[in-house]
N, C-alpha and C. Protein backbone atom coordinates (compact mmCIF):
# COMPACT_ATOMS: atom_id res chain seq x y z
N UNK A 1 0.82 -1.18 0.00
CA UNK A 1 0.00 0.00 0.00
C UNK A 1 0.88 1.26 0.00
N UNK A 2 1.93 1.27 0.79
CA UNK A 2 2.81 2.43 0.84
C UNK A 2 3.99 2.30 -0.12
N UNK A 3 4.20 1.09 -0.65
CA UNK A 3 5.31 0.88 -1.54
C UNK A 3 6.66 0.81 -0.83
N UNK A 4 6.63 0.45 0.44
CA UNK A 4 7.85 0.40 1.25
C UNK A 4 8.13 -1.04 1.64
N UNK A 5 9.39 -1.42 1.58
CA UNK A 5 9.79 -2.73 2.08
C UNK A 5 10.96 -2.52 3.04
N UNK A 6 11.00 -3.30 4.10
CA UNK A 6 12.08 -3.12 5.08
C UNK A 6 13.43 -3.51 4.48
N UNK A 7 14.46 -2.86 4.95
CA UNK A 7 15.82 -3.14 4.48
C UNK A 7 16.32 -4.46 5.03
N UNK A 8 15.92 -4.79 6.27
CA UNK A 8 16.38 -6.01 6.94
C UNK A 8 15.17 -6.81 7.41
N UNK A 9 15.32 -8.14 7.40
CA UNK A 9 14.29 -8.99 7.99
C UNK A 9 14.36 -8.83 9.50
N UNK A 10 13.37 -9.33 10.22
CA UNK A 10 13.41 -9.26 11.69
C UNK A 10 14.66 -9.94 12.23
N UNK A 11 14.98 -11.10 11.69
CA UNK A 11 16.16 -11.84 12.14
C UNK A 11 17.42 -11.04 11.88
N UNK A 12 17.56 -10.51 10.67
CA UNK A 12 18.74 -9.72 10.33
C UNK A 12 18.86 -8.48 11.21
N UNK A 13 17.75 -7.82 11.47
CA UNK A 13 17.78 -6.61 12.29
C UNK A 13 18.21 -6.93 13.72
N UNK A 14 17.68 -8.02 14.29
CA UNK A 14 18.07 -8.41 15.65
C UNK A 14 19.55 -8.76 15.72
N UNK A 15 20.02 -9.53 14.75
CA UNK A 15 21.44 -9.91 14.75
C UNK A 15 22.33 -8.68 14.55
N UNK A 16 21.94 -7.81 13.66
CA UNK A 16 22.71 -6.59 13.40
C UNK A 16 22.80 -5.72 14.66
N UNK A 17 21.66 -5.53 15.34
CA UNK A 17 21.65 -4.72 16.55
C UNK A 17 22.43 -5.38 17.67
N UNK A 18 22.32 -6.70 17.79
CA UNK A 18 23.08 -7.41 18.82
C UNK A 18 24.58 -7.25 18.58
N UNK A 19 24.99 -7.41 17.34
CA UNK A 19 26.42 -7.26 17.02
C UNK A 19 26.91 -5.85 17.32
N UNK A 20 26.08 -4.86 17.02
CA UNK A 20 26.45 -3.47 17.34
C UNK A 20 26.61 -3.31 18.85
N UNK A 21 25.64 -3.87 19.60
CA UNK A 21 25.68 -3.77 21.06
C UNK A 21 26.96 -4.39 21.62
N UNK A 22 27.30 -5.59 21.17
CA UNK A 22 28.50 -6.27 21.65
C UNK A 22 29.74 -5.47 21.29
N UNK A 23 29.78 -4.91 20.09
CA UNK A 23 30.94 -4.12 19.66
C UNK A 23 31.08 -2.83 20.45
N UNK A 24 29.98 -2.31 20.99
CA UNK A 24 30.00 -1.04 21.70
C UNK A 24 29.75 -1.19 23.20
N UNK A 25 29.82 -2.39 23.71
CA UNK A 25 29.51 -2.66 25.11
C UNK A 25 30.37 -1.85 26.06
N UNK A 26 31.63 -1.64 25.72
CA UNK A 26 32.52 -0.88 26.61
C UNK A 26 32.03 0.56 26.81
N UNK A 27 31.26 1.09 25.90
CA UNK A 27 30.71 2.44 26.05
C UNK A 27 29.61 2.49 27.12
N UNK A 28 28.98 1.34 27.41
CA UNK A 28 27.86 1.31 28.34
C UNK A 28 28.14 0.57 29.63
N UNK A 29 29.20 -0.20 29.69
CA UNK A 29 29.44 -1.10 30.81
C UNK A 29 29.56 -0.39 32.16
N UNK A 30 30.17 0.77 32.19
CA UNK A 30 30.41 1.43 33.47
C UNK A 30 29.55 2.67 33.66
N UNK A 31 28.48 2.73 32.92
CA UNK A 31 27.59 3.88 32.98
C UNK A 31 26.44 3.58 33.93
N UNK A 32 26.09 4.56 34.74
CA UNK A 32 24.91 4.39 35.56
C UNK A 32 23.81 5.25 34.97
N UNK A 33 22.60 4.88 35.24
CA UNK A 33 21.49 5.64 34.69
C UNK A 33 20.17 4.97 34.99
N UNK A 34 19.19 5.31 34.25
CA UNK A 34 17.84 4.79 34.45
C UNK A 34 17.80 3.33 33.99
N UNK A 35 17.19 2.49 34.80
CA UNK A 35 17.04 1.09 34.44
C UNK A 35 15.57 0.77 34.26
N UNK A 36 15.30 -0.44 33.88
CA UNK A 36 13.91 -0.86 33.68
C UNK A 36 13.16 -0.96 35.01
N UNK A 37 13.85 -0.91 36.13
CA UNK A 37 13.18 -1.03 37.43
C UNK A 37 12.68 0.31 37.97
N UNK A 38 13.01 1.38 37.30
CA UNK A 38 12.56 2.70 37.73
C UNK A 38 11.13 2.91 37.23
N UNK A 39 10.19 3.23 38.12
CA UNK A 39 8.82 3.43 37.65
C UNK A 39 8.72 4.64 36.74
N UNK A 40 7.96 4.51 35.68
CA UNK A 40 7.76 5.60 34.73
C UNK A 40 6.47 6.31 35.02
N UNK A 41 6.39 7.56 34.63
CA UNK A 41 5.14 8.29 34.68
C UNK A 41 4.22 7.66 33.64
N UNK A 42 3.06 7.20 34.06
CA UNK A 42 2.22 6.43 33.15
C UNK A 42 1.20 7.27 32.38
N UNK A 43 1.05 8.51 32.72
CA UNK A 43 0.19 9.40 31.95
C UNK A 43 -1.18 8.81 31.67
N UNK A 44 -1.51 8.67 30.39
CA UNK A 44 -2.81 8.17 29.97
C UNK A 44 -3.03 6.74 30.44
N UNK A 45 -1.99 5.93 30.47
CA UNK A 45 -2.12 4.55 30.94
C UNK A 45 -2.56 4.52 32.40
N UNK A 46 -2.00 5.41 33.21
CA UNK A 46 -2.41 5.50 34.61
C UNK A 46 -3.88 5.87 34.74
N UNK A 47 -4.33 6.80 33.91
CA UNK A 47 -5.74 7.19 33.91
C UNK A 47 -6.63 6.02 33.51
N UNK A 48 -6.22 5.28 32.48
CA UNK A 48 -7.00 4.12 32.03
C UNK A 48 -7.07 3.06 33.11
N UNK A 49 -6.00 2.86 33.86
CA UNK A 49 -6.00 1.89 34.95
C UNK A 49 -7.01 2.27 36.02
N UNK A 50 -7.10 3.56 36.29
CA UNK A 50 -8.05 4.02 37.32
C UNK A 50 -9.49 3.89 36.86
N UNK A 51 -9.73 4.05 35.56
CA UNK A 51 -11.08 3.98 35.03
C UNK A 51 -11.58 2.54 34.88
N UNK A 52 -10.67 1.63 34.59
CA UNK A 52 -11.09 0.25 34.33
C UNK A 52 -10.59 -0.59 35.45
């Protein structure tokens, strides 16, 4: 419909991103920051939870 095709398959994209991550791991290894355990502001999702 849009005439667009992805450059990489899902498998290729995952492998490509993983390889990039491994190659650049030293840039992130000693960095501290936000993790997945930090609660996020839920905005509209929080409102929906209260309503339902």
